[in-house]
């Protein structure tokens, strides 16, 4: 048997179980916070003389109980010892709970009210020691099934994505498994320890470095009673924050709705009420079906509007082609320094920031070379590995402008230890766009942050790259000279064709 007692000393529940265990009912009616206790303590009997079990400690953690106490039941029906445990704040040993000294129930003299107030005070004190301005405090999680994969690098990138969202990252967790759990992605035991860890450090958000299904998000959220999001949602949120042009906002909203549509699920009975009134007799539509239909209608409307903006962009492309200036497009991994390079080359003032996806809306400027030749140079949205499919589709029209480019400048942050995987990710996207074969200049940016200059020289030879620092004008002449020579080579057949055409017309 078991009882759940509130802090006022009132019996909230009496639970009768089997000789093996008891099943605690849902506690939705009691206060909930990822950083506070539930305000209930569990006292129950053990019939086989055992101390607190793993199930007891799991209930203590997952339900955020004030404490759990197991009373030993002797063969004559009298109580034996009482075993008590409670959660503890963050500590160097990494322990989650502490056990009180076993004692007879009749000898227990614990002042529970003072004890629990002091314990919660310790939790609050520990949490406040982390100076955090953000309301979202996250634990990042990755499940790795491939031992050769760079899990640390992937989580490091997710940490930067979270920072771009204004999320404070409190901890990161990697679990190596032979295969992902279909329901929780990570093991149930690991998820339980994450809940306790979140309570200890004051985290209120779990971010998975994967794309979760709606069923997985619901299962993990129900199990942990915490907000759960995945990598795709983080990227969508960044794009929603950074899009400024009308077209950019349309593209982001379209991607968000396409992501949301398959994840629209009913959570409670209120969502399944049927419509009524004239025209609504019979089965009608459920609230969920109405929401899905509205989302589909909005998606169709956004796609029509984007087709209109695509036509306008095509007209601008035609005007640029009539001018006859060559086009240079800057591509590269997000936060590689593309916008900074554009600003330094053209004395522009495009917004730059040391954050992922600081630029979403394409920007174009005129670039004048030393020999009085001119070109149009365009900045594009940064690429990232495993870019969500809906986002790629939404921004496809913008990226299609790369087909008009005469030269691609592939900017690479050589100071990033994962720069080779970034090169692979960018070239994979260029392959998908069908423009991998365009004349391309690889640019190793942020050479000033690369400590080993001799190694940098070797890497430049290996990857046929030009080293620069986009912030320093003096490092750019070799790059400008290479661009000018390459454009001159490309333009020669066009100029010859134009001269032949003019001669033929004459």
Foldseek 3Di string as FASTA:
>chain_A
DKFKAAPVRDTPDDWDDDLVDTDDDDPVVFDDDLQAARRIEMEEEHEPQDADDPVQVLCCQQNRHQKYKYWYADPVRDTDKIKIKHAAADDPVLDGMDIDDIDTPVPDDDPSVVVSVVRSVRLVVQQVVPPADAPAEEEEEEEDQDPPDPPVVLVVVLCLLCVLLVYHYDYYYYHYDNAADLAQRDDPVVLSSVSSNCNNNVHQEYEYADQDALRNQVRSCVRRVGHYYYSQVSVLSSQCVQDDDPLSNLLSLLLVLVSCLNNQDDDDPVQQDADDDPPRPDPRDTNSRVVNVVSVVSNVVSVVVNVVVLVVVVVVLVVVVVVVAAEEEEAFAFQLCQVLLVCLQAVDCPDDDNGGFNDADKDWDWGAAPVRGIHIYIYHTHFDAPNPPSSCVSCVSVVLVCVRHQEYEYRFAPLDPCRVVRVVRRLVVCVVSVNNPHHYAYEHEPVVNVDDVVVVVVVCVVVVHQYDHSNDSVSCPVVSVVVVVSVVVVCVVVVVVVVVVVVVVD
